[in-house]
Amino acid sequence: MKQCTHAEALPDPEPVPLGETCPECLRDGTHPVQLRLCLTCGHVGCCDSSPSRHASGHHDETGHPVMRTFEPGENWRWCFVDHVLV
């Protein structure tokens, strides 16, 4: 089974300001489907089911490896690098 090699070393960041929504969607006037929180810097972005996929775009731009769901009642993380749930 493939495992994530990044999650153990990550900080536990607080969401950046405007953390209740995707700031890029807010800027562009679009609506996120669900939100994801970068576990390196606290950036909040929309999920891959959203038209702009800002959480994945954040990973592509920064290389930050792991995000977690930012949805109430959900508790999972995803490693973009290793392509596994953490």
PDB file of N, CA and C in Angstrom:
ATOM      1  N   MET A   1       0.835  -1.176   0.000  1.00  0.00           N
ATOM      2  CA  MET A   1       0.000   0.000   0.000  1.00  0.00           C
ATOM      3  C   MET A   1       0.886   1.248   0.000  1.00  0.00           C
ATOM      4  N   LYS A   2       0.608   2.169  -0.896  1.00  0.00           N
ATOM      5  CA  LYS A   2       1.374   3.405  -0.989  1.00  0.00           C
ATOM      6  C   LYS A   2       1.042   4.313   0.195  1.00  0.00           C
ATOM      7  N   GLN A   3       2.063   4.959   0.744  1.00  0.00           N
ATOM      8  CA  GLN A   3       1.878   5.834   1.894  1.00  0.00           C
ATOM      9  C   GLN A   3       2.420   7.223   1.605  1.00  0.00           C
ATOM     10  N   CYS A   4       1.894   8.188   2.315  1.00  0.00           N
ATOM     11  CA  CYS A   4       2.358   9.565   2.204  1.00  0.00           C
ATOM     12  C   CYS A   4       3.626   9.733   3.024  1.00  0.00           C
ATOM     13  N   THR A   5       4.612  10.369   2.441  1.00  0.00           N
ATOM     14  CA  THR A   5       5.875  10.617   3.128  1.00  0.00           C
ATOM     15  C   THR A   5       5.974  12.057   3.637  1.00  0.00           C
ATOM     16  N   HIS A   6       4.877  12.824   3.544  1.00  0.00           N
ATOM     17  CA  HIS A   6       4.932  14.253   3.863  1.00  0.00           C
ATOM     18  C   HIS A   6       4.138  14.665   5.094  1.00  0.00           C
ATOM     19  N   ALA A   7       3.078  13.960   5.403  1.00  0.00           N
ATOM     20  CA  ALA A   7       2.108  14.429   6.401  1.00  0.00           C
ATOM     21  C   ALA A   7       2.673  14.585   7.806  1.00  0.00           C
ATOM     22  N   GLU A   8       3.560  13.709   8.216  1.00  0.00           N
ATOM     23  CA  GLU A   8       4.064  13.760   9.596  1.00  0.00           C
ATOM     24  C   GLU A   8       4.856  15.026   9.907  1.00  0.00           C
ATOM     25  N   ALA A   9       5.489  15.625   8.922  1.00  0.00           N
ATOM     26  CA  ALA A   9       6.340  16.787   9.150  1.00  0.00           C
ATOM     27  C   ALA A   9       5.614  18.118   8.989  1.00  0.00           C
ATOM     28  N   LEU A  10       4.315  18.086   8.746  1.00  0.00           N
ATOM     29  CA  LEU A  10       3.593  19.322   8.457  1.00  0.00           C
ATOM     30  C   LEU A  10       3.162  20.051   9.722  1.00  0.00           C
ATOM     31  N   PRO A  11       3.137  21.397   9.664  1.00  0.00           N
ATOM     32  CA  PRO A  11       2.585  22.176  10.777  1.00  0.00           C
ATOM     33  C   PRO A  11       1.066  22.035  10.782  1.00  0.00           C
ATOM     34  N   ASP A  12       0.412  22.666  11.718  1.00  0.00           N
ATOM     35  CA  ASP A  12      -1.045  22.674  11.790  1.00  0.00           C
ATOM     36  C   ASP A  12      -1.494  24.116  11.634  1.00  0.00           C
ATOM     37  N   PRO A  13      -1.505  24.637  10.402  1.00  0.00           N
ATOM     38  CA  PRO A  13      -1.756  26.064  10.205  1.00  0.00           C
ATOM     39  C   PRO A  13      -3.209  26.447  10.428  1.00  0.00           C
ATOM     40  N   GLU A  14      -3.399  27.683  10.798  1.00  0.00           N
ATOM     41  CA  GLU A  14      -4.739  28.258  10.851  1.00  0.00           C
ATOM     42  C   GLU A  14      -5.087  28.705   9.432  1.00  0.00           C
ATOM     43  N   PRO A  15      -6.364  28.660   9.078  1.00  0.00           N
ATOM     44  CA  PRO A  15      -6.752  29.152   7.752  1.00  0.00           C
ATOM     45  C   PRO A  15      -6.392  30.617   7.586  1.00  0.00           C
ATOM     46  N   VAL A  16      -6.014  31.001   6.381  1.00  0.00           N
ATOM     47  CA  VAL A  16      -5.721  32.394   6.099  1.00  0.00           C
ATOM     48  C   VAL A  16      -7.004  33.196   6.215  1.00  0.00           C
ATOM     49  N   PRO A  17      -6.931  34.533   6.376  1.00  0.00           N
ATOM     50  CA  PRO A  17      -8.150  35.335   6.430  1.00  0.00           C
ATOM     51  C   PRO A  17      -9.065  35.010   5.243  1.00  0.00           C
ATOM     52  N   LEU A  18     -10.354  35.170   5.419  1.00  0.00           N
ATOM     53  CA  LEU A  18     -11.380  34.775   4.450  1.00  0.00           C
ATOM     54  C   LEU A  18     -11.458  33.262   4.340  1.00  0.00           C
ATOM     55  N   GLY A  19     -11.040  32.558   5.410  1.00  0.00           N
ATOM     56  CA  GLY A  19     -10.997  31.110   5.393  1.00  0.00           C
ATOM     57  C   GLY A  19     -12.342  30.423   5.282  1.00  0.00           C
ATOM     58  N   GLU A  20     -13.429  31.140   5.304  1.00  0.00           N
ATOM     59  CA  GLU A  20     -14.746  30.521   5.168  1.00  0.00           C
ATOM     60  C   GLU A  20     -15.116  30.287   3.716  1.00  0.00           C
ATOM     61  N   THR A  21     -14.322  30.770   2.796  1.00  0.00           N
ATOM     62  CA  THR A  21     -14.574  30.567   1.374  1.00  0.00           C
ATOM     63  C   THR A  21     -13.244  30.543   0.636  1.00  0.00           C
ATOM     64  N   CYS A  22     -13.298  30.197  -0.613  1.00  0.00           N
ATOM     65  CA  CYS A  22     -12.100  30.207  -1.450  1.00  0.00           C
ATOM     66  C   CYS A  22     -11.850  31.651  -1.899  1.00  0.00           C
ATOM     67  N   PRO A  23     -10.723  32.250  -1.518  1.00  0.00           N
ATOM     68  CA  PRO A  23     -10.498  33.658  -1.865  1.00  0.00           C
ATOM     69  C   PRO A  23     -10.438  33.898  -3.374  1.00  0.00           C
ATOM     70  N   GLU A  24      -9.929  32.916  -4.131  1.00  0.00           N
ATOM     71  CA  GLU A  24      -9.876  33.077  -5.571  1.00  0.00           C
ATOM     72  C   GLU A  24     -11.281  33.057  -6.179  1.00  0.00           C
ATOM     73  N   CYS A  25     -12.149  32.166  -5.659  1.00  0.00           N
ATOM     74  CA  CYS A  25     -13.546  32.152  -6.117  1.00  0.00           C
ATOM     75  C   CYS A  25     -14.238  33.461  -5.743  1.00  0.00           C
ATOM     76  N   LEU A  26     -13.984  33.954  -4.534  1.00  0.00           N
ATOM     77  CA  LEU A  26     -14.553  35.223  -4.091  1.00  0.00           C
ATOM     78  C   LEU A  26     -14.117  36.347  -5.024  1.00  0.00           C
ATOM     79  N   ARG A  27     -12.831  36.371  -5.344  1.00  0.00           N
ATOM     80  CA  ARG A  27     -12.275  37.385  -6.247  1.00  0.00           C
ATOM     81  C   ARG A  27     -12.910  37.303  -7.637  1.00  0.00           C
ATOM     82  N   ASP A  28     -13.100  36.057  -8.135  1.00  0.00           N
ATOM     83  CA  ASP A  28     -13.586  35.844  -9.499  1.00  0.00           C
ATOM     84  C   ASP A  28     -15.107  35.849  -9.611  1.00  0.00           C
ATOM     85  N   GLY A  29     -15.804  35.879  -8.467  1.00  0.00           N
ATOM     86  CA  GLY A  29     -17.259  35.869  -8.488  1.00  0.00           C
ATOM     87  C   GLY A  29     -17.850  34.498  -8.788  1.00  0.00           C
ATOM     88  N   THR A  30     -17.077  33.429  -8.516  1.00  0.00           N
ATOM     89  CA  THR A  30     -17.571  32.077  -8.718  1.00  0.00           C
ATOM     90  C   THR A  30     -17.869  31.439  -7.369  1.00  0.00           C
ATOM     91  N   HIS A  31     -18.454  30.260  -7.387  1.00  0.00           N
ATOM     92  CA  HIS A  31     -18.851  29.600  -6.148  1.00  0.00           C
ATOM     93  C   HIS A  31     -18.141  28.263  -6.009  1.00  0.00           C
ATOM     94  N   PRO A  32     -17.440  28.043  -4.891  1.00  0.00           N
ATOM     95  CA  PRO A  32     -16.781  26.752  -4.676  1.00  0.00           C
ATOM     96  C   PRO A  32     -17.787  25.670  -4.334  1.00  0.00           C
ATOM     97  N   VAL A  33     -17.474  24.436  -4.726  1.00  0.00           N
ATOM     98  CA  VAL A  33     -18.309  23.295  -4.356  1.00  0.00           C
ATOM     99  C   VAL A  33     -18.002  22.896  -2.921  1.00  0.00           C
ATOM    100  N   GLN A  34     -16.733  22.612  -2.639  1.00  0.00           N
ATOM    101  CA  GLN A  34     -16.270  22.321  -1.281  1.00  0.00           C
ATOM    102  C   GLN A  34     -14.899  22.961  -1.109  1.00  0.00           C
ATOM    103  N   LEU A  35     -14.477  23.092   0.158  1.00  0.00           N
ATOM    104  CA  LEU A  35     -13.218  23.769   0.455  1.00  0.00           C
ATOM    105  C   LEU A  35     -12.165  22.799   0.957  1.00  0.00           C
ATOM    106  N   ARG A  36     -10.904  23.140   0.685  1.00  0.00           N
ATOM    107  CA  ARG A  36      -9.746  22.374   1.125  1.00  0.00           C
ATOM    108  C   ARG A  36      -8.755  23.335   1.779  1.00  0.00           C
ATOM    109  N   LEU A  37      -8.059  22.858   2.813  1.00  0.00           N
ATOM    110  CA  LEU A  37      -7.103  23.667   3.569  1.00  0.00           C
ATOM    111  C   LEU A  37      -5.699  23.129   3.351  1.00  0.00           C
ATOM    112  N   CYS A  38      -4.786  23.952   2.879  1.00  0.00           N
ATOM    113  CA  CYS A  38      -3.384  23.559   2.718  1.00  0.00           C
ATOM    114  C   CYS A  38      -2.769  23.401   4.105  1.00  0.00           C
ATOM    115  N   LEU A  39      -2.158  22.252   4.361  1.00  0.00           N
ATOM    116  CA  LEU A  39      -1.574  22.007   5.680  1.00  0.00           C
ATOM    117  C   LEU A  39      -0.159  22.551   5.820  1.00  0.00           C
ATOM    118  N   THR A  40       0.347  23.207   4.796  1.00  0.00           N
ATOM    119  CA  THR A  40       1.636  23.879   4.907  1.00  0.00           C
ATOM    120  C   THR A  40       1.454  25.346   5.296  1.00  0.00           C
ATOM    121  N   CYS A  41       0.530  26.041   4.609  1.00  0.00           N
ATOM    122  CA  CYS A  41       0.430  27.491   4.820  1.00  0.00           C
ATOM    123  C   CYS A  41      -0.945  27.991   5.238  1.00  0.00           C
ATOM    124  N   GLY A  42      -1.978  27.130   5.194  1.00  0.00           N
ATOM    125  CA  GLY A  42      -3.309  27.560   5.596  1.00  0.00           C
ATOM    126  C   GLY A  42      -4.159  28.132   4.475  1.00  0.00           C
ATOM    127  N   HIS A  43      -3.666  28.094   3.231  1.00  0.00           N
ATOM    128  CA  HIS A  43      -4.461  28.576   2.098  1.00  0.00           C
ATOM    129  C   HIS A  43      -5.737  27.748   1.985  1.00  0.00           C
ATOM    130  N   VAL A  44      -6.856  28.414   1.776  1.00  0.00           N
ATOM    131  CA  VAL A  44      -8.125  27.738   1.557  1.00  0.00           C
ATOM    132  C   VAL A  44      -8.452  27.856   0.074  1.00  0.00           C
ATOM    133  N   GLY A  45      -8.718  26.705  -0.559  1.00  0.00           N
ATOM    134  CA  GLY A  45      -9.061  26.690  -1.979  1.00  0.00           C
ATOM    135  C   GLY A  45     -10.205  25.745  -2.231  1.00  0.00           C
ATOM    136  N   CYS A  46     -10.832  25.897  -3.389  1.00  0.00           N
ATOM    137  CA  CYS A  46     -11.961  25.046  -3.747  1.00  0.00           C
ATOM    138  C   CYS A  46     -11.474  23.704  -4.287  1.00  0.00           C
ATOM    139  N   CYS A  47     -12.353  22.715  -4.183  1.00  0.00           N
ATOM    140  CA  CYS A  47     -12.015  21.335  -4.545  1.00  0.00           C
ATOM    141  C   CYS A  47     -11.987  21.127  -6.060  1.00  0.00           C
ATOM    142  N   ASP A  48     -11.601  19.931  -6.463  1.00  0.00           N
ATOM    143  CA  ASP A  48     -11.521  19.604  -7.884  1.00  0.00           C
ATOM    144  C   ASP A  48     -12.884  19.465  -8.548  1.00  0.00           C
ATOM    145  N   SER A  49     -13.957  19.416  -7.771  1.00  0.00           N
ATOM    146  CA  SER A  49     -15.302  19.426  -8.350  1.00  0.00           C
ATOM    147  C   SER A  49     -15.762  20.843  -8.670  1.00  0.00           C
ATOM    148  N   SER A  50     -15.033  21.835  -8.196  1.00  0.00           N
ATOM    149  CA  SER A  50     -15.318  23.230  -8.518  1.00  0.00           C
ATOM    150  C   SER A  50     -14.697  23.564  -9.876  1.00  0.00           C
ATOM    151  N   PRO A  51     -15.288  24.499 -10.603  1.00  0.00           N
ATOM    152  CA  PRO A  51     -14.785  24.797 -11.947  1.00  0.00           C
ATOM    153  C   PRO A  51     -13.306  25.200 -12.010  1.00  0.00           C
ATOM    154  N   SER A  52     -12.834  25.942 -11.020  1.00  0.00           N
ATOM    155  CA  SER A  52     -11.458  26.460 -11.101  1.00  0.00           C
ATOM    156  C   SER A  52     -10.420  25.634 -10.373  1.00  0.00           C
ATOM    157  N   ARG A  53     -10.826  24.699  -9.526  1.00  0.00           N
ATOM    158  CA  ARG A  53      -9.911  23.780  -8.848  1.00  0.00           C
ATOM    159  C   ARG A  53      -8.747  24.516  -8.156  1.00  0.00           C
ATOM    160  N   HIS A  54      -9.060  25.521  -7.357  1.00  0.00           N
ATOM    161  CA  HIS A  54      -8.026  26.363  -6.755  1.00  0.00           C
ATOM    162  C   HIS A  54      -7.126  25.635  -5.759  1.00  0.00           C
ATOM    163  N   ALA A  55      -7.620  24.626  -5.052  1.00  0.00           N
ATOM    164  CA  ALA A  55      -6.749  23.889  -4.122  1.00  0.00           C
ATOM    165  C   ALA A  55      -5.658  23.153  -4.893  1.00  0.00           C
ATOM    166  N   SER A  56      -6.026  22.485  -5.979  1.00  0.00           N
ATOM    167  CA  SER A  56      -5.013  21.814  -6.816  1.00  0.00           C
ATOM    168  C   SER A  56      -4.081  22.826  -7.456  1.00  0.00           C
ATOM    169  N   GLY A  57      -4.632  23.959  -7.884  1.00  0.00           N
ATOM    170  CA  GLY A  57      -3.799  25.017  -8.457  1.00  0.00           C
ATOM    171  C   GLY A  57      -2.793  25.545  -7.453  1.00  0.00           C
ATOM    172  N   HIS A  58      -3.204  25.660  -6.199  1.00  0.00           N
ATOM    173  CA  HIS A  58      -2.286  26.097  -5.144  1.00  0.00           C
ATOM    174  C   HIS A  58      -1.131  25.106  -5.008  1.00  0.00           C
ATOM    175  N   HIS A  59      -1.444  23.820  -5.012  1.00  0.00           N
ATOM    176  CA  HIS A  59      -0.379  22.809  -4.962  1.00  0.00           C
ATOM    177  C   HIS A  59       0.543  22.940  -6.177  1.00  0.00           C
ATOM    178  N   ASP A  60      -0.028  23.083  -7.360  1.00  0.00           N
ATOM    179  CA  ASP A  60       0.781  23.198  -8.578  1.00  0.00           C
ATOM    180  C   ASP A  60       1.735  24.399  -8.511  1.00  0.00           C
ATOM    181  N   GLU A  61       1.260  25.515  -7.952  1.00  0.00           N
ATOM    182  CA  GLU A  61       2.073  26.731  -7.858  1.00  0.00           C
ATOM    183  C   GLU A  61       3.124  26.676  -6.756  1.00  0.00           C
ATOM    184  N   THR A  62       2.795  26.035  -5.630  1.00  0.00           N
ATOM    185  CA  THR A  62       3.663  26.113  -4.454  1.00  0.00           C
ATOM    186  C   THR A  62       4.422  24.818  -4.164  1.00  0.00           C
ATOM    187  N   GLY A  63       3.877  23.692  -4.610  1.00  0.00           N
ATOM    188  CA  GLY A  63       4.465  22.402  -4.257  1.00  0.00           C
ATOM    189  C   GLY A  63       4.085  21.928  -2.868  1.00  0.00           C
ATOM    190  N   HIS A  64       3.206  22.662  -2.171  1.00  0.00           N
ATOM    191  CA  HIS A  64       2.774  22.228  -0.845  1.00  0.00           C
ATOM    192  C   HIS A  64       2.064  20.886  -1.001  1.00  0.00           C
ATOM    193  N   PRO A  65       2.502  19.865  -0.262  1.00  0.00           N
ATOM    194  CA  PRO A  65       2.099  18.502  -0.584  1.00  0.00           C
ATOM    195  C   PRO A  65       0.741  18.020  -0.087  1.00  0.00           C
ATOM    196  N   VAL A  66       0.278  18.488   1.082  1.00  0.00           N
ATOM    197  CA  VAL A  66      -0.907  17.863   1.687  1.00  0.00           C
ATOM    198  C   VAL A  66      -1.959  18.918   2.020  1.00  0.00           C
ATOM    199  N   MET A  67      -3.209  18.572   1.721  1.00  0.00           N
ATOM    200  CA  MET A  67      -4.339  19.406   2.123  1.00  0.00           C
ATOM    201  C   MET A  67      -5.315  18.526   2.887  1.00  0.00           C
ATOM    202  N   ARG A  68      -6.209  19.198   3.607  1.00  0.00           N
ATOM    203  CA  ARG A  68      -7.279  18.465   4.282  1.00  0.00           C
ATOM    204  C   ARG A  68      -8.598  19.098   3.881  1.00  0.00           C
ATOM    205  N   THR A  69      -9.650  18.315   4.044  1.00  0.00           N
ATOM    206  CA  THR A  69     -10.973  18.863   3.810  1.00  0.00           C
ATOM    207  C   THR A  69     -11.226  19.997   4.800  1.00  0.00           C
ATOM    208  N   PHE A  70     -11.960  20.977   4.380  1.00  0.00           N
ATOM    209  CA  PHE A  70     -12.322  22.100   5.238  1.00  0.00           C
ATOM    210  C   PHE A  70     -13.849  22.142   5.373  1.00  0.00           C
ATOM    211  N   GLU A  71     -14.461  20.961   5.239  1.00  0.00           N
ATOM    212  CA  GLU A  71     -15.907  20.834   5.316  1.00  0.00           C
ATOM    213  C   GLU A  71     -16.311  20.328   6.701  1.00  0.00           C
ATOM    214  N   PRO A  72     -17.373  20.888   7.270  1.00  0.00           N
ATOM    215  CA  PRO A  72     -17.860  20.430   8.575  1.00  0.00           C
ATOM    216  C   PRO A  72     -18.218  18.946   8.533  1.00  0.00           C
ATOM    217  N   GLY A  73     -17.818  18.222   9.563  1.00  0.00           N
ATOM    218  CA  GLY A  73     -18.150  16.816   9.685  1.00  0.00           C
ATOM    219  C   GLY A  73     -17.264  15.874   8.889  1.00  0.00           C
ATOM    220  N   GLU A  74     -16.319  16.401   8.135  1.00  0.00           N
ATOM    221  CA  GLU A  74     -15.392  15.567   7.376  1.00  0.00           C
ATOM    222  C   GLU A  74     -14.017  15.640   8.014  1.00  0.00           C
ATOM    223  N   ASN A  75     -13.240  14.561   7.911  1.00  0.00           N
ATOM    224  CA  ASN A  75     -11.921  14.526   8.518  1.00  0.00           C
ATOM    225  C   ASN A  75     -11.000  13.633   7.691  1.00  0.00           C
ATOM    226  N   TRP A  76     -10.461  14.152   6.606  1.00  0.00           N
ATOM    227  CA  TRP A  76      -9.520  13.395   5.796  1.00  0.00           C
ATOM    228  C   TRP A  76      -8.511  14.357   5.175  1.00  0.00           C
ATOM    229  N   ARG A  77      -7.390  13.806   4.770  1.00  0.00           N
ATOM    230  CA  ARG A  77      -6.319  14.588   4.132  1.00  0.00           C
ATOM    231  C   ARG A  77      -5.910  13.893   2.835  1.00  0.00           C
ATOM    232  N   TRP A  78      -5.363  14.661   1.918  1.00  0.00           N
ATOM    233  CA  TRP A  78      -4.923  14.150   0.621  1.00  0.00           C
ATOM    234  C   TRP A  78      -3.505  14.635   0.342  1.00  0.00           C
ATOM    235  N   CYS A  79      -2.638  13.715  -0.059  1.00  0.00           N
ATOM    236  CA  CYS A  79      -1.280  14.084  -0.466  1.00  0.00           C
ATOM    237  C   CYS A  79      -1.251  14.166  -1.981  1.00  0.00           C
ATOM    238  N   PHE A  80      -1.017  15.364  -2.502  1.00  0.00           N
ATOM    239  CA  PHE A  80      -0.938  15.581  -3.948  1.00  0.00           C
ATOM    240  C   PHE A  80       0.274  14.868  -4.547  1.00  0.00           C
ATOM    241  N   VAL A  81       1.356  14.811  -3.813  1.00  0.00           N
ATOM    242  CA  VAL A  81       2.599  14.231  -4.326  1.00  0.00           C
ATOM    243  C   VAL A  81       2.497  12.712  -4.444  1.00  0.00           C
ATOM    244  N   ASP A  82       2.045  12.077  -3.386  1.00  0.00           N
ATOM    245  CA  ASP A  82       1.975  10.610  -3.373  1.00  0.00           C
ATOM    246  C   ASP A  82       0.640  10.067  -3.863  1.00  0.00           C
ATOM    247  N   HIS A  83      -0.340  10.970  -4.111  1.00  0.00           N
ATOM    248  CA  HIS A  83      -1.661  10.585  -4.623  1.00  0.00           C
ATOM    249  C   HIS A  83      -2.352   9.565  -3.729  1.00  0.00           C
ATOM    250  N   VAL A  84      -2.372   9.857  -2.414  1.00  0.00           N
ATOM    251  CA  VAL A  84      -3.024   8.964  -1.458  1.00  0.00           C
ATOM    252  C   VAL A  84      -3.781   9.753  -0.398  1.00  0.00           C
ATOM    253  N   LEU A  85      -4.833   9.124   0.136  1.00  0.00           N
ATOM    254  CA  LEU A  85      -5.492   9.662   1.324  1.00  0.00           C
ATOM    255  C   LEU A  85      -4.577   9.416   2.502  1.00  0.00           C
ATOM    256  N   VAL A  86      -4.506  10.374   3.389  1.00  0.00           N
ATOM    257  CA  VAL A  86      -3.620  10.282   4.549  1.00  0.00           C
ATOM    258  C   VAL A  86      -4.458  10.047   5.785  1.00  0.00           C
TER     259      VAL A  86
END
